């Protein structure tokens, strides 16, 4: 009986060694393979997701320098004064230098510590060396005095301190007491930060509604606006329609009285041609006084109406052109009662 017990004990001992030395290590090896496979599958899945999003895969030491930051706030200064201040939801780039990619961008541009322009957009870049900026997608540029410019993109040169957009620009000017703001379209834009000037270039068209229902319709080669006041200048082959009157000249300015919130006059100069349903006039300049509803021609003015020719030192159309007054008449005039 004792002999059989020894056999049984010996068999159990052998079984135990087999379990410990053979079966258990095999089980551990299987577990390691599963974990490894899971890690590989997880890595491959992450790589596929990055590829789908268009994120370029890099290898080597440079990939260790890649950074992604959230809640970005940067300030760039020149000569001790702030140049620009940038806010972004996130930024991604390399410590080795180059460009940083930005998301949901807002940039504040300063001149002598005074905020002049604010630019917002969907995406952007910043050059780590030159500090040049770009903003792309639904870009809105606002001046501190109320002008709003919408463009597909803008580019900022830190060296020249200029904001440019080579694409179509839509502008809306600040509303005033005389009516809605100026609406304008142009082919490109350039903003001079240090001069606080906004230049719209090429194929400019604009409209300025007035409170009385009349509208200025304007076309020109270019337009210039100031961040310091509401005055606007149109330059090069200016054509303007207003209340059945057509005006043509090389330059026109929309003027506001000092501290006033109303468009008071429009001045056209450089050789002007004016016509309406029954009159034709030429002069060096003409001033449309919108508050007094009178138009003054100066600089060799000449008016032809009903086969009569009026000339003098100065010719004034009163009551919107219903009456004509000639100062210092140079020639005999028939039908003086106009």
C-alpha atoms as a PDB file:
ATOM      1  CA  UNK A   1       0.000   0.000   0.000  1.00  0.00           C
ATOM      2  CA  UNK A   2       2.812   2.360   0.903  1.00  0.00           C
ATOM      3  CA  UNK A   3       4.450   1.540  -2.395  1.00  0.00           C
ATOM      4  CA  UNK A   4       1.380   2.751  -4.315  1.00  0.00           C
ATOM      5  CA  UNK A   5       1.309   5.978  -2.267  1.00  0.00           C
ATOM      6  CA  UNK A   6       4.883   6.677  -3.277  1.00  0.00           C
ATOM      7  CA  UNK A   7       3.973   6.215  -6.965  1.00  0.00           C
ATOM      8  CA  UNK A   8       1.015   8.568  -6.623  1.00  0.00           C
ATOM      9  CA  UNK A   9       3.170  11.204  -4.856  1.00  0.00           C
ATOM     10  CA  UNK A  10       5.829  10.909  -7.504  1.00  0.00           C
ATOM     11  CA  UNK A  11       3.241  11.354 -10.297  1.00  0.00           C
ATOM     12  CA  UNK A  12       1.819  14.485  -8.656  1.00  0.00           C
ATOM     13  CA  UNK A  13       5.327  15.909  -8.241  1.00  0.00           C
ATOM     14  CA  UNK A  14       6.113  15.329 -11.932  1.00  0.00           C
ATOM     15  CA  UNK A  15       2.818  16.969 -12.924  1.00  0.00           C
ATOM     16  CA  UNK A  16       3.624  19.987 -10.786  1.00  0.00           C
ATOM     17  CA  UNK A  17       7.040  20.444 -12.425  1.00  0.00           C
ATOM     18  CA  UNK A  18       5.474  20.152 -15.872  1.00  0.00           C
ATOM     19  CA  UNK A  19       2.945  22.857 -14.976  1.00  0.00           C
ATOM     20  CA  UNK A  20       5.599  25.205 -13.572  1.00  0.00           C
ATOM     21  CA  UNK A  21       8.376  24.703 -16.102  1.00  0.00           C
ATOM     22  CA  UNK A  22       6.477  24.162 -19.347  1.00  0.00           C
ATOM     23  CA  UNK A  23       2.811  25.163 -19.318  1.00  0.00           C
ATOM     24  CA  UNK A  24       3.035  28.391 -17.220  1.00  0.00           C
ATOM     25  CA  UNK A  25       5.900  29.985 -19.236  1.00  0.00           C
ATOM     26  CA  UNK A  26       3.989  29.137 -22.402  1.00  0.00           C
ATOM     27  CA  UNK A  27       0.983  30.987 -21.001  1.00  0.00           C
ATOM     28  CA  UNK A  28       3.131  34.031 -20.128  1.00  0.00           C
ATOM     29  CA  UNK A  29       4.594  34.050 -23.643  1.00  0.00           C
ATOM     30  CA  UNK A  30       1.084  34.000 -25.083  1.00  0.00           C
ATOM     31  CA  UNK A  31       0.102  36.960 -22.884  1.00  0.00           C
ATOM     32  CA  UNK A  32       3.149  38.959 -24.070  1.00  0.00           C
ATOM     33  CA  UNK A  33       2.269  38.303 -27.703  1.00  0.00           C
ATOM     34  CA  UNK A  34      -1.292  39.528 -27.149  1.00  0.00           C
ATOM     35  CA  UNK A  35      -0.097  42.726 -25.453  1.00  0.00           C
ATOM     36  CA  UNK A  36       2.450  43.357 -28.189  1.00  0.00           C
ATOM     37  CA  UNK A  37      -0.126  42.786 -30.901  1.00  0.00           C
ATOM     38  CA  UNK A  38      -2.503  45.181 -29.184  1.00  0.00           C
ATOM     39  CA  UNK A  39       0.171  47.885 -28.975  1.00  0.00           C
ATOM     40  CA  UNK A  40       1.045  47.436 -32.652  1.00  0.00           C
ATOM     41  CA  UNK A  41      -2.608  47.590 -33.674  1.00  0.00           C
ATOM     42  CA  UNK A  42      -3.090  50.724 -31.577  1.00  0.00           C
ATOM     43  CA  UNK A  43      -0.024  52.370 -33.151  1.00  0.00           C
ATOM     44  CA  UNK A  44      -1.115  51.454 -36.677  1.00  0.00           C
ATOM     45  CA  UNK A  45      -4.602  52.803 -36.040  1.00  0.00           C
ATOM     46  CA  UNK A  46      -3.171  56.121 -34.782  1.00  0.00           C
ATOM     47  CA  UNK A  47      -0.911  56.341 -37.839  1.00  0.00           C
ATOM     48  CA  UNK A  48      -3.881  55.786 -40.164  1.00  0.00           C
ATOM     49  CA  UNK A  49      -5.828  58.545 -38.399  1.00  0.00           C
ATOM     50  CA  UNK A  50      -2.927  60.977 -38.788  1.00  0.00           C
ATOM     51  CA  UNK A  51      -2.599  60.082 -42.462  1.00  0.00           C
ATOM     52  CA  UNK A  52      -6.327  60.599 -42.991  1.00  0.00           C
ATOM     53  CA  UNK A  53      -6.039  64.101 -41.463  1.00  0.00           C
ATOM     54  CA  UNK A  54      -3.080  64.908 -43.702  1.00  0.00           C
ATOM     55  CA  UNK A  55      -0.497  65.052 -40.905  1.00  0.00           C
ATOM     56  CA  UNK A  56       2.913  64.236 -42.301  1.00  0.00           C
ATOM     57  CA  UNK A  57       4.816  61.452 -40.535  1.00  0.00           C
ATOM     58  CA  UNK A  58       8.395  62.228 -39.627  1.00  0.00           C
ATOM     59  CA  UNK A  59      11.155  60.137 -38.124  1.00  0.00           C
ATOM     60  CA  UNK A  60      14.471  60.795 -36.497  1.00  0.00           C
ATOM     61  CA  UNK A  61      15.532  63.424 -33.970  1.00  0.00           C
ATOM     62  CA  UNK A  62      13.514  66.266 -35.585  1.00  0.00           C
ATOM     63  CA  UNK A  63      10.221  64.557 -34.742  1.00  0.00           C
ATOM     64  CA  UNK A  64      11.095  64.859 -31.080  1.00  0.00           C
ATOM     65  CA  UNK A  65      11.134  68.659 -31.496  1.00  0.00           C
ATOM     66  CA  UNK A  66       7.570  68.854 -32.864  1.00  0.00           C
ATOM     67  CA  UNK A  67       5.283  70.692 -30.487  1.00  0.00           C
ATOM     68  CA  UNK A  68       1.584  71.383 -30.274  1.00  0.00           C
ATOM     69  CA  UNK A  69       0.362  74.068 -27.914  1.00  0.00           C
ATOM     70  CA  UNK A  70      -3.080  75.289 -26.934  1.00  0.00           C
ATOM     71  CA  UNK A  71      -4.175  78.755 -25.867  1.00  0.00           C
ATOM     72  CA  UNK A  72      -1.334  80.584 -27.624  1.00  0.00           C
ATOM     73  CA  UNK A  73      -0.501  84.234 -26.814  1.00  0.00           C
ATOM     74  CA  UNK A  74       2.508  85.890 -28.473  1.00  0.00           C
ATOM     75  CA  UNK A  75       3.770  89.483 -28.465  1.00  0.00           C
ATOM     76  CA  UNK A  76       6.288  90.889 -30.965  1.00  0.00           C
ATOM     77  CA  UNK A  77       7.992  94.255 -30.373  1.00  0.00           C
ATOM     78  CA  UNK A  78      10.120  96.604 -32.466  1.00  0.00           C
ATOM     79  CA  UNK A  79      12.251  99.423 -31.021  1.00  0.00           C
ATOM     80  CA  UNK A  80      10.663  98.915 -27.622  1.00  0.00           C
ATOM     81  CA  UNK A  81       7.083  99.246 -28.916  1.00  0.00           C
ATOM     82  CA  UNK A  82       4.569  96.501 -29.591  1.00  0.00           C
ATOM     83  CA  UNK A  83       4.351  95.544 -33.252  1.00  0.00           C
ATOM     84  CA  UNK A  84       1.647  92.910 -32.951  1.00  0.00           C
ATOM     85  CA  UNK A  85      -0.054  90.726 -30.376  1.00  0.00           C
ATOM     86  CA  UNK A  86      -1.342  87.313 -31.420  1.00  0.00           C
ATOM     87  CA  UNK A  87      -3.900  84.948 -29.915  1.00  0.00           C
ATOM     88  CA  UNK A  88      -4.677  81.461 -31.279  1.00  0.00           C
ATOM     89  CA  UNK A  89      -6.592  78.417 -30.060  1.00  0.00           C
ATOM     90  CA  UNK A  90      -3.613  76.204 -30.956  1.00  0.00           C
ATOM     91  CA  UNK A  91      -0.199  76.257 -32.636  1.00  0.00           C
ATOM     92  CA  UNK A  92       1.877  73.426 -34.080  1.00  0.00           C
ATOM     93  CA  UNK A  93       5.483  73.607 -35.219  1.00  0.00           C
ATOM     94  CA  UNK A  94       9.098  72.663 -34.645  1.00  0.00           C
ATOM     95  CA  UNK A  95      11.588  73.911 -32.083  1.00  0.00           C
ATOM     96  CA  UNK A  96      14.182  73.823 -34.862  1.00  0.00           C
ATOM     97  CA  UNK A  97      12.579  76.916 -36.430  1.00  0.00           C
ATOM     98  CA  UNK A  98      10.494  77.535 -39.522  1.00  0.00           C
ATOM     99  CA  UNK A  99       6.772  78.222 -39.621  1.00  0.00           C
ATOM    100  CA  UNK A 100       4.157  77.540 -36.985  1.00  0.00           C
ATOM    101  CA  UNK A 101       0.631  76.566 -38.031  1.00  0.00           C
ATOM    102  CA  UNK A 102      -2.125  78.367 -36.110  1.00  0.00           C
ATOM    103  CA  UNK A 103      -5.831  77.702 -35.614  1.00  0.00           C
ATOM    104  CA  UNK A 104      -8.528  80.322 -34.891  1.00  0.00           C
ATOM    105  CA  UNK A 105      -6.303  83.387 -35.052  1.00  0.00           C
ATOM    106  CA  UNK A 106      -6.702  86.944 -33.752  1.00  0.00           C
ATOM    107  CA  UNK A 107      -3.929  89.507 -34.301  1.00  0.00           C
ATOM    108  CA  UNK A 108      -3.783  93.034 -32.880  1.00  0.00           C
ATOM    109  CA  UNK A 109      -1.561  95.515 -34.761  1.00  0.00           C
ATOM    110  CA  UNK A 110      -0.176  98.534 -32.897  1.00  0.00           C
ATOM    111  CA  UNK A 111       1.400 101.852 -33.807  1.00  0.00           C
ATOM    112  CA  UNK A 112       3.286 103.601 -31.004  1.00  0.00           C
ATOM    113  CA  UNK A 113       1.451 101.466 -28.429  1.00  0.00           C
ATOM    114  CA  UNK A 114      -1.938 102.447 -29.885  1.00  0.00           C
ATOM    115  CA  UNK A 115      -4.140  99.694 -31.283  1.00  0.00           C
ATOM    116  CA  UNK A 116      -4.805 100.403 -34.987  1.00  0.00           C
ATOM    117  CA  UNK A 117      -6.128  97.192 -36.594  1.00  0.00           C
ATOM    118  CA  UNK A 118      -7.504  93.817 -35.546  1.00  0.00           C
ATOM    119  CA  UNK A 119      -7.400  90.779 -37.866  1.00  0.00           C
ATOM    120  CA  UNK A 120      -9.261  87.503 -37.286  1.00  0.00           C
ATOM    121  CA  UNK A 121      -9.387  84.297 -39.359  1.00  0.00           C
ATOM    122  CA  UNK A 122      -9.697  80.514 -39.360  1.00  0.00           C
ATOM    123  CA  UNK A 123      -6.034  79.599 -39.778  1.00  0.00           C
ATOM    124  CA  UNK A 124      -2.632  81.235 -39.921  1.00  0.00           C
ATOM    125  CA  UNK A 125       1.125  80.885 -39.956  1.00  0.00           C
ATOM    126  CA  UNK A 126       3.996  82.694 -38.289  1.00  0.00           C
ATOM    127  CA  UNK A 127       7.584  82.635 -39.477  1.00  0.00           C
ATOM    128  CA  UNK A 128       9.777  82.062 -36.442  1.00  0.00           C
ATOM    129  CA  UNK A 129      12.673  84.102 -37.859  1.00  0.00           C
ATOM    130  CA  UNK A 130      11.133  87.020 -39.786  1.00  0.00           C
ATOM    131  CA  UNK A 131       7.996  87.243 -37.594  1.00  0.00           C
ATOM    132  CA  UNK A 132       5.928  87.592 -40.767  1.00  0.00           C
ATOM    133  CA  UNK A 133       2.320  86.453 -40.437  1.00  0.00           C
ATOM    134  CA  UNK A 134      -0.448  85.095 -42.635  1.00  0.00           C
ATOM    135  CA  UNK A 135      -4.129  84.617 -41.832  1.00  0.00           C
ATOM    136  CA  UNK A 136      -6.327  82.526 -44.127  1.00  0.00           C
ATOM    137  CA  UNK A 137     -10.038  81.726 -44.243  1.00  0.00           C
ATOM    138  CA  UNK A 138     -12.921  84.125 -43.445  1.00  0.00           C
ATOM    139  CA  UNK A 139     -10.464  86.932 -42.732  1.00  0.00           C
ATOM    140  CA  UNK A 140     -11.857  90.149 -41.238  1.00  0.00           C
ATOM    141  CA  UNK A 141      -9.694  93.257 -40.747  1.00  0.00           C
ATOM    142  CA  UNK A 142     -11.140  96.035 -38.581  1.00  0.00           C
ATOM    143  CA  UNK A 143      -9.778  99.534 -38.067  1.00  0.00           C
ATOM    144  CA  UNK A 144     -10.290 101.177 -34.709  1.00  0.00           C
ATOM    145  CA  UNK A 145     -12.520 103.861 -36.268  1.00  0.00           C
ATOM    146  CA  UNK A 146     -15.018 101.370 -37.662  1.00  0.00           C
ATOM    147  CA  UNK A 147     -13.966 100.256 -41.169  1.00  0.00           C
ATOM    148  CA  UNK A 148     -14.423  96.514 -41.818  1.00  0.00           C
ATOM    149  CA  UNK A 149     -12.574  94.682 -44.616  1.00  0.00           C
ATOM    150  CA  UNK A 150     -13.355  91.086 -45.600  1.00  0.00           C
ATOM    151  CA  UNK A 151     -10.820  89.086 -47.651  1.00  0.00           C
ATOM    152  CA  UNK A 152      -9.955  85.398 -48.174  1.00  0.00           C
ATOM    153  CA  UNK A 153      -6.453  85.988 -46.757  1.00  0.00           C
ATOM    154  CA  UNK A 154      -3.950  88.584 -45.538  1.00  0.00           C
ATOM    155  CA  UNK A 155      -0.166  88.628 -45.286  1.00  0.00           C
ATOM    156  CA  UNK A 156       1.826  90.822 -42.899  1.00  0.00           C
ATOM    157  CA  UNK A 157       5.423  91.905 -43.433  1.00  0.00           C
ATOM    158  CA  UNK A 158       7.167  92.696 -40.163  1.00  0.00           C
ATOM    159  CA  UNK A 159       9.882  94.611 -42.048  1.00  0.00           C
ATOM    160  CA  UNK A 160       7.580  97.013 -43.924  1.00  0.00           C
ATOM    161  CA  UNK A 161       4.765  96.877 -41.371  1.00  0.00           C
ATOM    162  CA  UNK A 162       2.201  96.402 -44.127  1.00  0.00           C
ATOM    163  CA  UNK A 163      -0.834  94.127 -44.341  1.00  0.00           C
ATOM    164  CA  UNK A 164      -1.621  93.012 -47.901  1.00  0.00           C
ATOM    165  CA  UNK A 165      -4.263  90.908 -49.595  1.00  0.00           C
ATOM    166  CA  UNK A 166      -3.939  90.075 -53.305  1.00  0.00           C
ATOM    167  CA  UNK A 167      -7.544  88.892 -53.485  1.00  0.00           C
ATOM    168  CA  UNK A 168     -10.943  90.547 -53.722  1.00  0.00           C
ATOM    169  CA  UNK A 169     -11.832  92.769 -50.779  1.00  0.00           C
ATOM    170  CA  UNK A 170     -15.253  93.826 -49.531  1.00  0.00           C
ATOM    171  CA  UNK A 171     -15.407  96.879 -47.298  1.00  0.00           C
ATOM    172  CA  UNK A 172     -18.116  98.401 -45.123  1.00  0.00           C
ATOM    173  CA  UNK A 173     -17.539 101.845 -43.665  1.00  0.00           C
ATOM    174  CA  UNK A 174     -18.907 103.118 -40.366  1.00  0.00           C
ATOM    175  CA  UNK A 175     -22.489 104.314 -40.367  1.00  0.00           C
ATOM    176  CA  UNK A 176     -23.008 108.069 -40.017  1.00  0.00           C
ATOM    177  CA  UNK A 177     -25.872 110.508 -39.543  1.00  0.00           C
ATOM    178  CA  UNK A 178     -26.304 110.944 -43.298  1.00  0.00           C
ATOM    179  CA  UNK A 179     -27.101 107.254 -43.810  1.00  0.00           C
ATOM    180  CA  UNK A 180     -25.532 103.800 -43.959  1.00  0.00           C
ATOM    181  CA  UNK A 181     -21.799 103.388 -44.294  1.00  0.00           C
ATOM    182  CA  UNK A 182     -19.916 103.201 -47.572  1.00  0.00           C
ATOM    183  CA  UNK A 183     -20.045  99.776 -49.266  1.00  0.00           C
ATOM    184  CA  UNK A 184     -17.052  99.022 -51.468  1.00  0.00           C
ATOM    185  CA  UNK A 185     -15.531  96.250 -53.577  1.00  0.00           C
ATOM    186  CA  UNK A 186     -11.965  96.114 -54.901  1.00  0.00           C
ATOM    187  CA  UNK A 187      -9.430  93.715 -56.397  1.00  0.00           C
ATOM    188  CA  UNK A 188      -6.752  93.957 -53.666  1.00  0.00           C
ATOM    189  CA  UNK A 189      -5.882  95.668 -50.389  1.00  0.00           C
ATOM    190  CA  UNK A 190      -2.841  97.202 -48.704  1.00  0.00           C
ATOM    191  CA  UNK A 191      -2.819  98.528 -45.143  1.00  0.00           C
ATOM    192  CA  UNK A 192      -0.021 100.824 -43.939  1.00  0.00           C
ATOM    193  CA  UNK A 193       0.022 100.241 -40.190  1.00  0.00           C
ATOM    194  CA  UNK A 194       2.389 103.092 -39.287  1.00  0.00           C
ATOM    195  CA  UNK A 195       0.387 105.639 -41.342  1.00  0.00           C
ATOM    196  CA  UNK A 196      -2.967 104.113 -40.332  1.00  0.00           C
ATOM    197  CA  UNK A 197      -4.038 104.054 -43.995  1.00  0.00           C
ATOM    198  CA  UNK A 198      -6.097 101.496 -45.925  1.00  0.00           C
ATOM    199  CA  UNK A 199      -5.634 101.364 -49.699  1.00  0.00           C
ATOM    200  CA  UNK A 200      -8.053  99.494 -51.973  1.00  0.00           C
ATOM    201  CA  UNK A 201      -6.524  98.940 -55.377  1.00  0.00           C
ATOM    202  CA  UNK A 202      -7.866  98.159 -58.867  1.00  0.00           C
ATOM    203  CA  UNK A 203     -11.445  97.892 -60.098  1.00  0.00           C
ATOM    204  CA  UNK A 204     -13.024  99.774 -57.224  1.00  0.00           C
ATOM    205  CA  UNK A 205     -16.803 100.163 -57.078  1.00  0.00           C
ATOM    206  CA  UNK A 206     -18.690 101.724 -54.171  1.00  0.00           C
ATOM    207  CA  UNK A 207     -22.083 102.937 -52.987  1.00  0.00           C
ATOM    208  CA  UNK A 208     -22.919 105.471 -50.280  1.00  0.00           C
ATOM    209  CA  UNK A 209     -26.630 105.537 -49.360  1.00  0.00           C
ATOM    210  CA  UNK A 210     -27.983 108.823 -48.034  1.00  0.00           C
ATOM    211  CA  UNK A 211     -30.803 109.369 -45.579  1.00  0.00           C
ATOM    212  CA  UNK A 212     -32.950 111.178 -48.194  1.00  0.00           C
ATOM    213  CA  UNK A 213     -33.026 108.050 -50.370  1.00  0.00           C
ATOM    214  CA  UNK A 214     -30.374 109.241 -52.800  1.00  0.00           C
ATOM    215  CA  UNK A 215     -27.216 107.190 -53.383  1.00  0.00           C
ATOM    216  CA  UNK A 216     -23.701 107.890 -54.573  1.00  0.00           C
ATOM    217  CA  UNK A 217     -22.559 105.216 -57.066  1.00  0.00           C
ATOM    218  CA  UNK A 218     -18.808 105.378 -57.637  1.00  0.00           C
ATOM    219  CA  UNK A 219     -16.181 103.610 -59.735  1.00  0.00           C
ATOM    220  CA  UNK A 220     -12.439 104.340 -59.663  1.00  0.00           C
ATOM    221  CA  UNK A 221      -8.999 102.835 -60.059  1.00  0.00           C
ATOM    222  CA  UNK A 222      -8.363 102.975 -56.309  1.00  0.00           C
ATOM    223  CA  UNK A 223      -9.570 104.259 -52.952  1.00  0.00           C
ATOM    224  CA  UNK A 224      -7.882 105.436 -49.768  1.00  0.00           C
ATOM    225  CA  UNK A 225      -9.232 105.473 -46.213  1.00  0.00           C
ATOM    226  CA  UNK A 226      -7.810 106.670 -42.905  1.00  0.00           C
ATOM    227  CA  UNK A 227      -7.881 105.031 -39.502  1.00  0.00           C
ATOM    228  CA  UNK A 228      -7.871 108.513 -37.945  1.00  0.00           C
ATOM    229  CA  UNK A 229     -11.024 109.963 -39.554  1.00  0.00           C
ATOM    230  CA  UNK A 230     -13.898 109.048 -41.863  1.00  0.00           C
ATOM    231  CA  UNK A 231     -12.715 110.878 -44.946  1.00  0.00           C
ATOM    232  CA  UNK A 232     -12.425 108.794 -48.122  1.00  0.00           C
ATOM    233  CA  UNK A 233     -10.551 109.466 -51.366  1.00  0.00           C
ATOM    234  CA  UNK A 234     -11.183 107.892 -54.768  1.00  0.00           C
ATOM    235  CA  UNK A 235      -8.334 108.073 -57.252  1.00  0.00           C
ATOM    236  CA  UNK A 236      -7.909 107.548 -61.001  1.00  0.00           C
ATOM    237  CA  UNK A 237     -10.723 107.712 -63.574  1.00  0.00           C
ATOM    238  CA  UNK A 238     -13.396 108.510 -60.990  1.00  0.00           C
ATOM    239  CA  UNK A 239     -16.968 108.245 -62.232  1.00  0.00           C
ATOM    240  CA  UNK A 240     -19.825 109.127 -59.928  1.00  0.00           C
ATOM    241  CA  UNK A 241     -23.612 109.191 -60.251  1.00  0.00           C
ATOM    242  CA  UNK A 242     -25.744 111.159 -57.793  1.00  0.00           C
ATOM    243  CA  UNK A 243     -29.329 112.367 -58.107  1.00  0.00           C
ATOM    244  CA  UNK A 244     -29.481 112.317 -61.951  1.00  0.00           C
ATOM    245  CA  UNK A 245     -26.065 113.974 -62.090  1.00  0.00           C
ATOM    246  CA  UNK A 246     -22.908 112.400 -63.519  1.00  0.00           C
ATOM    247  CA  UNK A 247     -19.439 113.551 -62.430  1.00  0.00           C
ATOM    248  CA  UNK A 248     -16.068 112.535 -63.878  1.00  0.00           C
ATOM    249  CA  UNK A 249     -12.593 113.476 -62.696  1.00  0.00           C
ATOM    250  CA  UNK A 250      -9.228 112.089 -61.549  1.00  0.00           C
ATOM    251  CA  UNK A 251      -9.900 112.487 -57.802  1.00  0.00           C
ATOM    252  CA  UNK A 252     -12.891 112.718 -55.465  1.00  0.00           C
ATOM    253  CA  UNK A 253     -12.997 113.141 -51.680  1.00  0.00           C
ATOM    254  CA  UNK A 254     -15.849 112.474 -49.261  1.00  0.00           C
ATOM    255  CA  UNK A 255     -15.461 115.026 -46.460  1.00  0.00           C
ATOM    256  CA  UNK A 256     -16.804 115.275 -42.920  1.00  0.00           C
ATOM    257  CA  UNK A 257     -16.796 118.382 -40.743  1.00  0.00           C
ATOM    258  CA  UNK A 258     -14.346 118.365 -37.854  1.00  0.00           C
ATOM    259  CA  UNK A 259     -15.791 116.146 -35.155  1.00  0.00           C
ATOM    260  CA  UNK A 260     -18.995 115.737 -37.188  1.00  0.00           C
ATOM    261  CA  UNK A 261     -20.874 112.494 -37.729  1.00  0.00           C
ATOM    262  CA  UNK A 262     -22.357 113.436 -41.092  1.00  0.00           C
ATOM    263  CA  UNK A 263     -21.059 113.502 -44.663  1.00  0.00           C
ATOM    264  CA  UNK A 264     -21.017 117.234 -45.399  1.00  0.00           C
ATOM    265  CA  UNK A 265     -19.522 117.511 -48.891  1.00  0.00           C
ATOM    266  CA  UNK A 266     -17.943 115.753 -51.857  1.00  0.00           C
ATOM    267  CA  UNK A 267     -15.058 117.465 -53.657  1.00  0.00           C
ATOM    268  CA  UNK A 268     -13.942 116.483 -57.179  1.00  0.00           C
ATOM    269  CA  UNK A 269     -10.788 118.054 -58.630  1.00  0.00           C
ATOM    270  CA  UNK A 270      -8.170 117.816 -61.348  1.00  0.00           C
ATOM    271  CA  UNK A 271     -10.431 118.629 -64.294  1.00  0.00           C
ATOM    272  CA  UNK A 272     -14.116 117.805 -63.836  1.00  0.00           C
ATOM    273  CA  UNK A 273     -16.967 117.059 -66.221  1.00  0.00           C
ATOM    274  CA  UNK A 274     -20.531 117.230 -64.891  1.00  0.00           C
ATOM    275  CA  UNK A 275     -23.816 116.576 -66.663  1.00  0.00           C
ATOM    276  CA  UNK A 276     -27.482 116.108 -65.828  1.00  0.00           C
ATOM    277  CA  UNK A 277     -30.693 116.031 -67.854  1.00  0.00           C
ATOM    278  CA  UNK A 278     -30.379 119.612 -69.183  1.00  0.00           C
ATOM    279  CA  UNK A 279     -26.885 120.896 -68.329  1.00  0.00           C
ATOM    280  CA  UNK A 280     -23.256 120.163 -69.090  1.00  0.00           C
ATOM    281  CA  UNK A 281     -20.391 121.751 -67.129  1.00  0.00           C
ATOM    282  CA  UNK A 282     -16.607 121.660 -66.937  1.00  0.00           C
ATOM    283  CA  UNK A 283     -14.182 123.169 -64.418  1.00  0.00           C
ATOM    284  CA  UNK A 284     -10.972 122.486 -62.536  1.00  0.00           C
ATOM    285  CA  UNK A 285     -12.953 121.504 -59.445  1.00  0.00           C
ATOM    286  CA  UNK A 286     -16.470 121.137 -58.125  1.00  0.00           C
ATOM    287  CA  UNK A 287     -17.696 120.966 -54.542  1.00  0.00           C
ATOM    288  CA  UNK A 288     -21.014 119.336 -53.700  1.00  0.00           C
ATOM    289  CA  UNK A 289     -22.248 120.922 -50.459  1.00  0.00           C
ATOM    290  CA  UNK A 290     -24.731 118.279 -49.353  1.00  0.00           C
ATOM    291  CA  UNK A 291     -25.974 120.226 -46.329  1.00  0.00           C
ATOM    292  CA  UNK A 292     -26.732 123.405 -48.309  1.00  0.00           C
ATOM    293  CA  UNK A 293     -27.787 121.423 -51.418  1.00  0.00           C
ATOM    294  CA  UNK A 294     -25.602 123.505 -53.741  1.00  0.00           C
ATOM    295  CA  UNK A 295     -22.742 122.728 -56.153  1.00  0.00           C
ATOM    296  CA  UNK A 296     -19.847 125.141 -56.717  1.00  0.00           C
ATOM    297  CA  UNK A 297     -17.651 125.063 -59.847  1.00  0.00           C
ATOM    298  CA  UNK A 298     -14.234 126.774 -59.740  1.00  0.00           C
ATOM    299  CA  UNK A 299     -11.267 127.054 -62.094  1.00  0.00           C
ATOM    300  CA  UNK A 300     -12.366 128.222 -65.549  1.00  0.00           C
ATOM    301  CA  UNK A 301     -15.924 126.923 -65.067  1.00  0.00           C
ATOM    302  CA  UNK A 302     -18.213 126.659 -68.069  1.00  0.00           C
ATOM    303  CA  UNK A 303     -21.861 125.638 -68.088  1.00  0.00           C
ATOM    304  CA  UNK A 304     -23.914 124.937 -71.213  1.00  0.00           C
ATOM    305  CA  UNK A 305     -27.681 124.941 -70.708  1.00  0.00           C
ATOM    306  CA  UNK A 306     -30.460 125.341 -73.262  1.00  0.00           C
ATOM    307  CA  UNK A 307     -27.955 126.438 -75.917  1.00  0.00           C
ATOM    308  CA  UNK A 308     -26.614 129.142 -73.567  1.00  0.00           C
ATOM    309  CA  UNK A 309     -23.037 129.174 -72.354  1.00  0.00           C
ATOM    310  CA  UNK A 310     -22.198 130.514 -68.899  1.00  0.00           C
ATOM    311  CA  UNK A 311     -18.632 131.363 -67.861  1.00  0.00           C
ATOM    312  CA  UNK A 312     -17.154 133.219 -64.926  1.00  0.00           C
ATOM    313  CA  UNK A 313     -14.805 133.020 -61.970  1.00  0.00           C
ATOM    314  CA  UNK A 314     -17.232 130.794 -60.106  1.00  0.00           C
ATOM    315  CA  UNK A 315     -20.540 129.134 -60.960  1.00  0.00           C
ATOM    316  CA  UNK A 316     -22.914 127.892 -58.256  1.00  0.00           C
ATOM    317  CA  UNK A 317     -25.889 125.590 -58.761  1.00  0.00           C
ATOM    318  CA  UNK A 318     -28.457 126.372 -56.056  1.00  0.00           C
ATOM    319  CA  UNK A 319     -31.300 124.185 -54.774  1.00  0.00           C
ATOM    320  CA  UNK A 320     -29.731 121.069 -56.250  1.00  0.00           C
ATOM    321  CA  UNK A 321     -29.268 122.658 -59.687  1.00  0.00           C
ATOM    322  CA  UNK A 322     -32.624 124.383 -60.108  1.00  0.00           C
ATOM    323  CA  UNK A 323     -30.968 127.801 -60.077  1.00  0.00           C
ATOM    324  CA  UNK A 324     -27.599 129.014 -61.320  1.00  0.00           C
ATOM    325  CA  UNK A 325     -25.511 131.902 -59.975  1.00  0.00           C
ATOM    326  CA  UNK A 326     -22.464 133.183 -61.874  1.00  0.00           C
ATOM    327  CA  UNK A 327     -19.819 135.190 -60.032  1.00  0.00           C
ATOM    328  CA  UNK A 328     -17.821 137.754 -62.057  1.00  0.00           C
ATOM    329  CA  UNK A 329     -19.356 136.981 -65.435  1.00  0.00           C
ATOM    330  CA  UNK A 330     -16.829 136.727 -68.294  1.00  0.00           C
ATOM    331  CA  UNK A 331     -19.236 136.482 -71.182  1.00  0.00           C
ATOM    332  CA  UNK A 332     -22.691 137.654 -72.141  1.00  0.00           C
ATOM    333  CA  UNK A 333     -25.325 135.295 -70.836  1.00  0.00           C
ATOM    334  CA  UNK A 334     -28.810 134.855 -72.251  1.00  0.00           C
ATOM    335  CA  UNK A 335     -31.792 133.589 -70.233  1.00  0.00           C
ATOM    336  CA  UNK A 336     -30.275 134.604 -66.889  1.00  0.00           C
ATOM    337  CA  UNK A 337     -33.302 133.436 -64.948  1.00  0.00           C
ATOM    338  CA  UNK A 338     -32.644 129.714 -64.735  1.00  0.00           C
END
